[in-house]
């Protein structure tokens, strides 16, 4: 209980004495200072503990956010890869169709040429044997 005497704030405290005797009385300014200092130290300790707890909680929250962001990033990359593969497959199919059309046109042209020149077959003259064609002249 605060008690002002001679302009100095003094506190009345209860002392626990040895042998269990309890005594109440005025405390000198030095002793009061010591008690206040001790109280402030305890309060600061509690404050630091609370602060550390809050900081750990904030850190956990940040970690959760990072984890969620990583998951989103993975999903996004997966979607991008999927789209990329789809585009690649589309390009491949387009190339294949182009090749097929080219082959078809080549066959058609070949047939047309064959119709125009019925006398020639694969660079051989009519009546020429395979051996003669290979040697480049008629044998005989």
N, C-alpha and C. Protein backbone atom coordinates (compact mmCIF):
# COMPACT_ATOMS: atom_id res chain seq x y z
N UNK A 1 0.85 -1.18 0.00
CA UNK A 1 0.00 0.00 0.00
C UNK A 1 0.88 1.23 0.00
N UNK A 2 0.77 2.15 -0.96
CA UNK A 2 1.67 3.31 -1.01
C UNK A 2 1.42 4.24 0.19
N UNK A 3 2.51 4.79 0.70
CA UNK A 3 2.43 5.68 1.85
C UNK A 3 3.47 6.76 1.67
N UNK A 4 3.06 8.03 1.66
CA UNK A 4 4.01 9.10 1.38
C UNK A 4 4.47 9.71 2.70
N UNK A 5 5.79 9.75 2.90
CA UNK A 5 6.34 10.35 4.11
C UNK A 5 7.62 11.06 3.73
N UNK A 6 7.75 12.32 4.11
CA UNK A 6 8.92 13.14 3.79
C UNK A 6 9.18 13.22 2.29
N UNK A 7 8.11 13.21 1.46
CA UNK A 7 8.27 13.37 0.01
C UNK A 7 8.79 12.14 -0.70
N UNK A 8 8.97 11.05 0.00
CA UNK A 8 9.49 9.82 -0.62
C UNK A 8 8.37 8.79 -0.61
N UNK A 9 8.15 8.16 -1.74
CA UNK A 9 7.09 7.16 -1.83
C UNK A 9 7.59 5.89 -1.18
N UNK A 10 6.89 5.45 -0.17
CA UNK A 10 7.26 4.22 0.51
C UNK A 10 6.11 3.24 0.35
N UNK A 11 6.41 1.96 0.32
CA UNK A 11 5.38 0.95 0.18
C UNK A 11 5.34 0.07 1.41
N UNK A 12 4.15 -0.26 1.82
CA UNK A 12 3.99 -1.19 2.92
C UNK A 12 3.90 -2.58 2.34
N UNK A 13 4.78 -3.45 2.76
CA UNK A 13 4.78 -4.80 2.22
C UNK A 13 4.75 -5.79 3.37
N UNK A 14 4.45 -6.98 3.06
CA UNK A 14 4.43 -8.05 4.06
C UNK A 14 5.68 -8.87 3.87
N UNK A 15 6.45 -9.02 4.92
CA UNK A 15 7.68 -9.81 4.87
C UNK A 15 7.39 -11.19 5.40
N UNK A 16 7.98 -12.19 4.77
CA UNK A 16 7.89 -13.55 5.31
C UNK A 16 9.19 -13.79 6.04
N UNK A 17 9.10 -13.92 7.34
CA UNK A 17 10.31 -14.10 8.16
C UNK A 17 10.55 -15.58 8.38
N UNK A 18 11.75 -15.91 8.77
CA UNK A 18 11.99 -17.31 9.16
C UNK A 18 11.11 -17.65 10.36
N UNK A 19 10.91 -18.87 10.59
CA UNK A 19 10.07 -19.39 11.68
C UNK A 19 8.61 -19.04 11.47
N UNK A 20 8.20 -18.58 10.25
CA UNK A 20 6.80 -18.37 9.91
C UNK A 20 6.15 -17.15 10.53
N UNK A 21 6.93 -16.23 11.09
CA UNK A 21 6.35 -15.03 11.69
C UNK A 21 6.14 -14.01 10.59
N UNK A 22 4.94 -13.43 10.47
CA UNK A 22 4.66 -12.45 9.43
C UNK A 22 4.60 -11.07 10.06
N UNK A 23 5.31 -10.13 9.43
CA UNK A 23 5.38 -8.79 9.98
C UNK A 23 5.08 -7.78 8.89
N UNK A 24 4.35 -6.75 9.19
CA UNK A 24 4.04 -5.74 8.21
C UNK A 24 4.61 -4.44 8.72
N UNK A 25 5.16 -3.61 7.79
CA UNK A 25 5.71 -2.35 8.26
C UNK A 25 6.15 -1.47 7.13
N UNK A 26 6.75 -0.33 7.48
CA UNK A 26 7.26 0.58 6.46
C UNK A 26 8.55 0.06 5.88
N UNK A 27 8.72 0.32 4.59
CA UNK A 27 9.91 -0.15 3.90
C UNK A 27 10.73 1.06 3.52
N UNK A 28 12.02 0.98 3.64
CA UNK A 28 12.88 2.10 3.26
C UNK A 28 12.86 2.24 1.75
N UNK A 29 13.17 3.45 1.24
CA UNK A 29 13.16 3.65 -0.22
C UNK A 29 14.04 2.66 -0.96
N UNK A 30 15.16 2.27 -0.42
CA UNK A 30 16.07 1.34 -1.09
C UNK A 30 15.41 -0.01 -1.27
N UNK A 31 14.78 -0.49 -0.23
CA UNK A 31 14.13 -1.80 -0.32
C UNK A 31 12.95 -1.73 -1.29
N UNK A 32 12.18 -0.63 -1.25
CA UNK A 32 11.06 -0.45 -2.16
C UNK A 32 11.56 -0.45 -3.60
N UNK A 33 12.68 0.23 -3.84
CA UNK A 33 13.29 0.28 -5.17
C UNK A 33 13.64 -1.12 -5.63
N UNK A 34 14.21 -1.90 -4.71
CA UNK A 34 14.60 -3.27 -5.03
C UNK A 34 13.37 -4.08 -5.45
N UNK A 35 12.25 -3.95 -4.71
CA UNK A 35 11.03 -4.69 -5.04
C UNK A 35 10.47 -4.27 -6.39
N UNK A 36 10.45 -2.91 -6.62
CA UNK A 36 9.93 -2.42 -7.91
C UNK A 36 10.79 -2.93 -9.07
N UNK A 37 12.11 -2.92 -8.84
CA UNK A 37 13.04 -3.40 -9.86
C UNK A 37 12.75 -4.88 -10.18
N UNK A 38 12.55 -5.66 -9.13
CA UNK A 38 12.26 -7.08 -9.30
C UNK A 38 10.95 -7.27 -10.08
N UNK A 39 9.92 -6.49 -9.73
CA UNK A 39 8.63 -6.56 -10.42
C UNK A 39 8.79 -6.21 -11.90
N UNK A 40 9.52 -5.11 -12.16
CA UNK A 40 9.74 -4.70 -13.56
C UNK A 40 10.46 -5.80 -14.34
N UNK A 41 11.43 -6.44 -13.70
CA UNK A 41 12.17 -7.51 -14.36
C UNK A 41 11.22 -8.65 -14.73
N UNK A 42 10.34 -9.03 -13.79
CA UNK A 42 9.37 -10.10 -14.05
C UNK A 42 8.45 -9.70 -15.21
N UNK A 43 7.99 -8.44 -15.18
CA UNK A 43 7.10 -7.96 -16.24
C UNK A 43 7.78 -8.00 -17.60
N UNK A 44 9.05 -7.52 -17.61
CA UNK A 44 9.80 -7.55 -18.88
C UNK A 44 9.96 -8.98 -19.39
N UNK A 45 10.23 -9.90 -18.46
CA UNK A 45 10.38 -11.31 -18.83
C UNK A 45 9.08 -11.83 -19.46
N UNK A 46 7.95 -11.50 -18.82
CA UNK A 46 6.65 -11.92 -19.35
C UNK A 46 6.42 -11.32 -20.74
N UNK A 47 6.75 -10.03 -20.86
CA UNK A 47 6.57 -9.34 -22.15
C UNK A 47 7.41 -10.02 -23.25
N UNK A 48 8.68 -10.32 -22.91
CA UNK A 48 9.55 -10.98 -23.90
C UNK A 48 8.99 -12.34 -24.30
N UNK A 49 8.48 -13.07 -23.28
CA UNK A 49 7.90 -14.38 -23.56
C UNK A 49 6.71 -14.24 -24.51
N UNK A 50 5.82 -13.28 -24.23
CA UNK A 50 4.67 -13.04 -25.10
C UNK A 50 5.13 -12.67 -26.51
N UNK A 51 6.14 -11.81 -26.55
CA UNK A 51 6.65 -11.34 -27.84
C UNK A 51 7.21 -12.51 -28.65
N UNK A 52 7.99 -13.38 -27.98
CA UNK A 52 8.53 -14.56 -28.67
C UNK A 52 7.42 -15.46 -29.18
N UNK A 53 6.39 -15.63 -28.34
CA UNK A 53 5.26 -16.47 -28.74
C UNK A 53 4.59 -15.89 -29.98
N UNK A 54 4.35 -14.58 -29.96
CA UNK A 54 3.74 -13.91 -31.12
C UNK A 54 4.61 -14.08 -32.36
N UNK A 55 5.92 -13.92 -32.16
CA UNK A 55 6.85 -14.03 -33.28
C UNK A 55 6.82 -15.44 -33.87
N UNK A 56 6.80 -16.45 -33.00
CA UNK A 56 6.72 -17.84 -33.49
C UNK A 56 5.43 -18.05 -34.28
N UNK A 57 4.34 -17.50 -33.75
CA UNK A 57 3.05 -17.63 -34.44
C UNK A 57 3.10 -16.95 -35.81
N UNK A 58 3.70 -15.75 -35.85
CA UNK A 58 3.83 -15.05 -37.13
C UNK A 58 4.67 -15.87 -38.11
N UNK A 59 5.76 -16.46 -37.58
CA UNK A 59 6.65 -17.26 -38.43
C UNK A 59 5.90 -18.47 -38.99
N UNK A 60 5.11 -19.12 -38.13
CA UNK A 60 4.31 -20.27 -38.60
C UNK A 60 3.35 -19.83 -39.69
N UNK A 61 2.73 -18.67 -39.48
CA UNK A 61 1.78 -18.14 -40.47
C UNK A 61 2.49 -17.88 -41.80
N UNK A 62 3.67 -17.26 -41.71
CA UNK A 62 4.45 -16.99 -42.93
C UNK A 62 4.79 -18.29 -43.65
N UNK A 63 5.20 -19.31 -42.86
CA UNK A 63 5.56 -20.60 -43.43
C UNK A 63 4.35 -21.22 -44.13
N UNK A 64 3.16 -21.13 -43.50
CA UNK A 64 1.95 -21.65 -44.14
C UNK A 64 1.70 -20.93 -45.46
N UNK A 65 1.86 -19.60 -45.44
CA UNK A 65 1.65 -18.81 -46.67
C UNK A 65 2.62 -19.25 -47.76
N UNK A 66 3.90 -19.44 -47.36
CA UNK A 66 4.91 -19.87 -48.35
C UNK A 66 4.53 -21.22 -48.94
N UNK A 67 4.08 -22.14 -48.07
CA UNK A 67 3.69 -23.48 -48.52
C UNK A 67 2.54 -23.39 -49.51
N UNK A 68 1.54 -22.59 -49.18
CA UNK A 68 0.39 -22.41 -50.08
C UNK A 68 0.86 -21.84 -51.41
N UNK A 69 1.76 -20.86 -51.35
CA UNK A 69 2.28 -20.23 -52.58
C UNK A 69 3.04 -21.25 -53.42
N UNK A 70 3.84 -22.12 -52.74
CA UNK A 70 4.57 -23.16 -53.48
C UNK A 70 3.60 -24.09 -54.20
N UNK A 71 2.53 -24.48 -53.49
CA UNK A 71 1.53 -25.36 -54.10
C UNK A 71 0.90 -24.70 -55.32
N UNK A 72 0.54 -23.43 -55.17
CA UNK A 72 -0.07 -22.69 -56.30
C UNK A 72 0.90 -22.64 -57.48
N UNK A 73 2.18 -22.38 -57.17
CA UNK A 73 3.20 -22.28 -58.21
C UNK A 73 3.32 -23.62 -58.94
N UNK A 74 3.34 -24.71 -58.16
CA UNK A 74 3.42 -26.04 -58.76
C UNK A 74 2.25 -26.27 -59.70
N UNK A 75 1.06 -25.94 -59.21
CA UNK A 75 -0.15 -26.11 -60.03
C UNK A 75 -0.04 -25.31 -61.32
N UNK A 76 0.40 -24.04 -61.16
CA UNK A 76 0.51 -23.17 -62.33
C UNK A 76 1.49 -23.76 -63.34
N UNK A 77 2.65 -24.22 -62.83
CA UNK A 77 3.66 -24.79 -63.72
C UNK A 77 3.12 -26.04 -64.40
N UNK A 78 2.39 -26.87 -63.64
CA UNK A 78 1.78 -28.08 -64.21
C UNK A 78 0.84 -27.73 -65.34
N UNK A 79 0.00 -26.70 -65.11
CA UNK A 79 -0.95 -26.26 -66.15
C UNK A 79 -0.19 -25.78 -67.38
N UNK A 80 0.88 -24.99 -67.14
CA UNK A 80 1.66 -24.47 -68.27
C UNK A 80 2.27 -25.62 -69.07
N UNK A 81 2.85 -26.60 -68.34
CA UNK A 81 3.46 -27.75 -69.03
C UNK A 81 2.41 -28.50 -69.85
N UNK A 82 1.22 -28.65 -69.26
CA UNK A 82 0.14 -29.35 -69.95
C UNK A 82 -0.20 -28.63 -71.24
N UNK A 83 -0.36 -27.30 -71.16
CA UNK A 83 -0.68 -26.51 -72.36
C UNK A 83 0.44 -26.63 -73.39
N UNK A 84 1.69 -26.58 -72.90
CA UNK A 84 2.84 -26.67 -73.80
C UNK A 84 2.83 -28.01 -74.53
N UNK A 85 2.60 -29.11 -73.77
CA UNK A 85 2.57 -30.43 -74.40
C UNK A 85 1.44 -30.52 -75.43
N UNK A 86 0.30 -29.92 -75.09
CA UNK A 86 -0.83 -29.94 -76.01
C UNK A 86 -0.45 -29.24 -77.31
N UNK A 87 0.21 -28.07 -77.19
CA UNK A 87 0.65 -27.33 -78.38
C UNK A 87 1.62 -28.17 -79.21
N UNK A 88 2.57 -28.82 -78.51
CA UNK A 88 3.56 -29.65 -79.20
C UNK A 88 2.87 -30.77 -79.98
N UNK A 89 1.93 -31.44 -79.31
CA UNK A 89 1.22 -32.54 -79.99
C UNK A 89 0.46 -32.03 -81.21
N UNK A 90 -0.13 -30.85 -81.07
CA UNK A 90 -0.87 -30.25 -82.18
C UNK A 90 0.08 -30.00 -83.35
N UNK A 91 1.26 -29.44 -83.04
CA UNK A 91 2.25 -29.17 -84.09
C UNK A 91 2.68 -30.46 -84.77
N UNK A 92 2.94 -31.50 -83.95
CA UNK A 92 3.36 -32.78 -84.51
C UNK A 92 2.31 -33.34 -85.46
N UNK A 93 1.04 -33.30 -85.01
CA UNK A 93 -0.04 -33.81 -85.86
C UNK A 93 -0.11 -33.02 -87.17
N UNK A 94 0.08 -31.71 -87.05
CA UNK A 94 0.04 -30.86 -88.25
C UNK A 94 1.16 -31.27 -89.21
N UNK A 95 2.37 -31.49 -88.66
CA UNK A 95 3.50 -31.90 -89.50
C UNK A 95 3.21 -33.23 -90.18
N UNK A 96 2.66 -34.18 -89.39
CA UNK A 96 2.35 -35.50 -89.94
C UNK A 96 1.35 -35.38 -91.09
N UNK A 97 0.30 -34.59 -90.89
CA UNK A 97 -0.70 -34.41 -91.95
C UNK A 97 -0.08 -33.79 -93.20
N UNK A 98 0.83 -32.83 -92.95
CA UNK A 98 1.51 -32.17 -94.06
C UNK A 98 2.34 -33.19 -94.85
N UNK A 99 3.06 -34.07 -94.14
CA UNK A 99 3.87 -35.10 -94.79
C UNK A 99 2.99 -36.04 -95.60
N UNK A 100 1.88 -36.45 -94.98
CA UNK A 100 0.96 -37.36 -95.66
C UNK A 100 0.43 -36.73 -96.95
N UNK A 101 0.03 -35.46 -96.85
CA UNK A 101 -0.48 -34.78 -98.06
C UNK A 101 0.60 -34.68 -99.13
N UNK A 102 1.83 -34.42 -98.69
CA UNK A 102 2.94 -34.32 -99.63
C UNK A 102 3.15 -35.66 -100.35
N UNK A 103 3.11 -36.77 -99.57
CA UNK A 103 3.27 -38.10 -100.16
C UNK A 103 2.16 -38.38 -101.17
N UNK A 104 0.94 -38.03 -100.76
CA UNK A 104 -0.21 -38.26 -101.65
C UNK A 104 -0.04 -37.49 -102.96
N UNK A 105 0.35 -36.21 -102.84
CA UNK A 105 0.54 -35.40 -104.06
C UNK A 105 1.64 -35.99 -104.93
N UNK A 106 2.72 -36.48 -104.30
CA UNK A 106 3.83 -37.07 -105.05
C UNK A 106 3.34 -38.31 -105.83
N UNK A 107 2.55 -39.16 -105.14
CA UNK A 107 2.00 -40.35 -105.79
C UNK A 107 1.11 -39.96 -106.97
N UNK A 108 0.28 -38.96 -106.74
CA UNK A 108 -0.62 -38.50 -107.81
C UNK A 108 0.18 -38.02 -109.01
N UNK A 109 1.21 -37.20 -108.75
CA UNK A 109 2.04 -36.70 -109.87
C UNK A 109 2.72 -37.84 -110.61
N UNK A 110 3.19 -38.83 -109.82
CA UNK A 110 3.86 -39.97 -110.43
C UNK A 110 2.90 -40.72 -111.37
N UNK A 111 1.67 -40.92 -110.88
CA UNK A 111 0.66 -41.60 -111.69
C UNK A 111 0.38 -40.81 -112.97
N UNK A 112 0.28 -39.50 -112.83
CA UNK A 112 0.02 -38.64 -113.99
C UNK A 112 1.14 -38.77 -115.01
N UNK A 113 2.39 -38.75 -114.54
CA UNK A 113 3.52 -38.86 -115.45
C UNK A 113 3.54 -40.21 -116.16
N UNK A 114 3.19 -41.26 -115.38
CA UNK A 114 3.16 -42.60 -115.94
C UNK A 114 2.13 -42.68 -117.07
N UNK A 115 1.00 -42.02 -116.88
CA UNK A 115 -0.04 -42.01 -117.90
C UNK A 115 0.45 -41.28 -119.14
N UNK A 116 1.20 -40.19 -118.93
CA UNK A 116 1.70 -39.41 -120.07
C UNK A 116 2.73 -40.19 -120.86
N UNK A 117 3.62 -40.95 -120.18
CA UNK A 117 4.67 -41.70 -120.87
C UNK A 117 4.53 -43.20 -120.59
N UNK A 118 3.68 -43.88 -121.29
CA UNK A 118 3.50 -45.31 -121.02
C UNK A 118 4.67 -46.16 -121.49
N UNK A 119 5.52 -45.70 -122.43
CA UNK A 119 6.63 -46.47 -122.98
C UNK A 119 7.77 -46.65 -122.00
N UNK A 120 7.92 -45.78 -121.02
CA UNK A 120 9.06 -45.88 -120.11
C UNK A 120 8.61 -46.39 -118.75
N UNK A 121 9.43 -47.29 -118.20
CA UNK A 121 9.17 -47.78 -116.85
C UNK A 121 10.48 -47.77 -116.08
N UNK A 122 10.53 -47.02 -115.03
CA UNK A 122 11.68 -46.94 -114.14
C UNK A 122 12.98 -46.76 -114.92
N UNK A 123 13.02 -45.90 -115.88
CA UNK A 123 14.24 -45.59 -116.62
C UNK A 123 14.71 -46.68 -117.56
N UNK A 124 13.87 -47.68 -117.88
CA UNK A 124 14.23 -48.77 -118.76
C UNK A 124 13.52 -48.63 -120.10
N UNK A 125 14.20 -48.94 -121.14
CA UNK A 125 13.54 -48.91 -122.45
C UNK A 125 12.72 -50.18 -122.61
N UNK A 126 11.74 -50.13 -123.48
CA UNK A 126 10.89 -51.28 -123.72
C UNK A 126 11.72 -52.38 -124.37
N UNK A 127 11.59 -53.59 -123.83
CA UNK A 127 12.31 -54.72 -124.39
C UNK A 127 13.70 -54.90 -123.82
N UNK A 128 14.12 -54.03 -122.98
CA UNK A 128 15.46 -54.13 -122.40
C UNK A 128 15.40 -54.99 -121.14
N UNK A 129 16.38 -55.88 -120.98
CA UNK A 129 16.38 -56.73 -119.78
C UNK A 129 17.04 -55.99 -118.62
N UNK A 130 16.91 -56.58 -117.42
CA UNK A 130 17.46 -55.94 -116.21
C UNK A 130 18.97 -55.85 -116.31
N UNK A 131 19.62 -56.96 -116.80
CA UNK A 131 21.09 -56.97 -116.90
C UNK A 131 21.57 -55.91 -117.88
N UNK A 132 20.87 -55.78 -118.97
CA UNK A 132 21.24 -54.78 -119.98
C UNK A 132 21.12 -53.37 -119.39
N UNK A 133 20.06 -53.18 -118.66
CA UNK A 133 19.86 -51.86 -118.05
C UNK A 133 20.98 -51.55 -117.07
N UNK A 134 21.39 -52.59 -116.30
CA UNK A 134 22.43 -52.41 -115.30
C UNK A 134 23.76 -52.08 -115.98
N UNK A 135 24.05 -52.76 -117.06
CA UNK A 135 25.31 -52.52 -117.76
C UNK A 135 25.26 -51.27 -118.61
N UNK A 136 24.09 -50.81 -118.88
CA UNK A 136 23.96 -49.60 -119.66
C UNK A 136 23.98 -49.81 -121.16
N UNK A 137 24.06 -51.03 -121.66
CA UNK A 137 24.04 -51.29 -123.11
C UNK A 137 23.41 -52.65 -123.38
N UNK A 138 23.07 -52.89 -124.65
CA UNK A 138 22.46 -54.17 -125.00
C UNK A 138 23.54 -55.22 -125.13
N UNK A 139 23.25 -56.39 -124.59
CA UNK A 139 24.22 -57.47 -124.72
C UNK A 139 23.81 -58.33 -125.93
N UNK A 140 24.76 -58.90 -126.63
CA UNK A 140 24.35 -59.83 -127.67
C UNK A 140 25.11 -59.79 -128.86
